[in-house]
């Protein structure tokens, strides 16, 4: 009984983590792109 409960809990946790991870990855990519563009503009204006 405990075993099935644990496996269900873990799979639910992984699904939630997967969603959060996906969102976090997109946010990180957007931030990275913005920083890159900002650095490029600063470099060009110099």
C-alpha atoms as a PDB file:
ATOM      1  CA  UNK A   1       0.000   0.000   0.000  1.00  0.00           C
ATOM      2  CA  UNK A   2       2.735   2.446   1.002  1.00  0.00           C
ATOM      3  CA  UNK A   3       4.747   1.524  -2.090  1.00  0.00           C
ATOM      4  CA  UNK A   4       1.991   2.512  -4.532  1.00  0.00           C
ATOM      5  CA  UNK A   5       1.342   5.730  -2.595  1.00  0.00           C
ATOM      6  CA  UNK A   6       5.035   6.623  -2.783  1.00  0.00           C
ATOM      7  CA  UNK A   7       5.271   5.927  -6.509  1.00  0.00           C
ATOM      8  CA  UNK A   8       2.183   8.078  -7.184  1.00  0.00           C
ATOM      9  CA  UNK A   9       3.602  10.897  -5.052  1.00  0.00           C
ATOM     10  CA  UNK A  10       6.960  10.749  -6.841  1.00  0.00           C
ATOM     11  CA  UNK A  11       5.386  10.760 -10.323  1.00  0.00           C
ATOM     12  CA  UNK A  12       3.213  13.749  -9.354  1.00  0.00           C
ATOM     13  CA  UNK A  13       6.273  15.531  -8.021  1.00  0.00           C
ATOM     14  CA  UNK A  14       8.167  14.847 -11.243  1.00  0.00           C
ATOM     15  CA  UNK A  15       5.297  16.171 -13.379  1.00  0.00           C
ATOM     16  CA  UNK A  16       5.167  19.385 -11.356  1.00  0.00           C
ATOM     17  CA  UNK A  17       8.944  19.703 -11.487  1.00  0.00           C
ATOM     18  CA  UNK A  18       8.835  19.152 -15.261  1.00  0.00           C
ATOM     19  CA  UNK A  19       6.354  22.026 -15.699  1.00  0.00           C
ATOM     20  CA  UNK A  20       8.368  24.360 -13.473  1.00  0.00           C
ATOM     21  CA  UNK A  21      11.590  23.305 -15.204  1.00  0.00           C
ATOM     22  CA  UNK A  22      10.130  24.053 -18.635  1.00  0.00           C
ATOM     23  CA  UNK A  23       8.958  27.506 -17.591  1.00  0.00           C
ATOM     24  CA  UNK A  24      12.268  28.211 -15.857  1.00  0.00           C
ATOM     25  CA  UNK A  25      14.158  27.181 -18.992  1.00  0.00           C
ATOM     26  CA  UNK A  26      12.150  29.606 -21.142  1.00  0.00           C
ATOM     27  CA  UNK A  27      12.669  32.442 -18.639  1.00  0.00           C
ATOM     28  CA  UNK A  28      16.397  31.704 -18.574  1.00  0.00           C
ATOM     29  CA  UNK A  29      16.598  31.731 -22.384  1.00  0.00           C
ATOM     30  CA  UNK A  30      14.727  35.051 -22.602  1.00  0.00           C
ATOM     31  CA  UNK A  31      16.961  36.624 -19.945  1.00  0.00           C
ATOM     32  CA  UNK A  32      20.077  35.331 -21.689  1.00  0.00           C
ATOM     33  CA  UNK A  33      18.920  36.748 -25.042  1.00  0.00           C
ATOM     34  CA  UNK A  34      18.109  40.131 -23.483  1.00  0.00           C
ATOM     35  CA  UNK A  35      21.507  40.298 -21.777  1.00  0.00           C
ATOM     36  CA  UNK A  36      23.228  39.346 -25.026  1.00  0.00           C
ATOM     37  CA  UNK A  37      21.378  42.044 -26.989  1.00  0.00           C
ATOM     38  CA  UNK A  38      22.092  44.614 -24.258  1.00  0.00           C
ATOM     39  CA  UNK A  39      25.797  43.781 -24.327  1.00  0.00           C
ATOM     40  CA  UNK A  40      25.835  43.997 -28.124  1.00  0.00           C
ATOM     41  CA  UNK A  41      24.166  47.429 -28.112  1.00  0.00           C
ATOM     42  CA  UNK A  42      26.590  48.705 -25.463  1.00  0.00           C
ATOM     43  CA  UNK A  43      29.532  47.356 -27.462  1.00  0.00           C
ATOM     44  CA  UNK A  44      28.315  48.941 -30.722  1.00  0.00           C
ATOM     45  CA  UNK A  45      27.623  52.336 -29.113  1.00  0.00           C
ATOM     46  CA  UNK A  46      31.147  52.491 -27.664  1.00  0.00           C
END
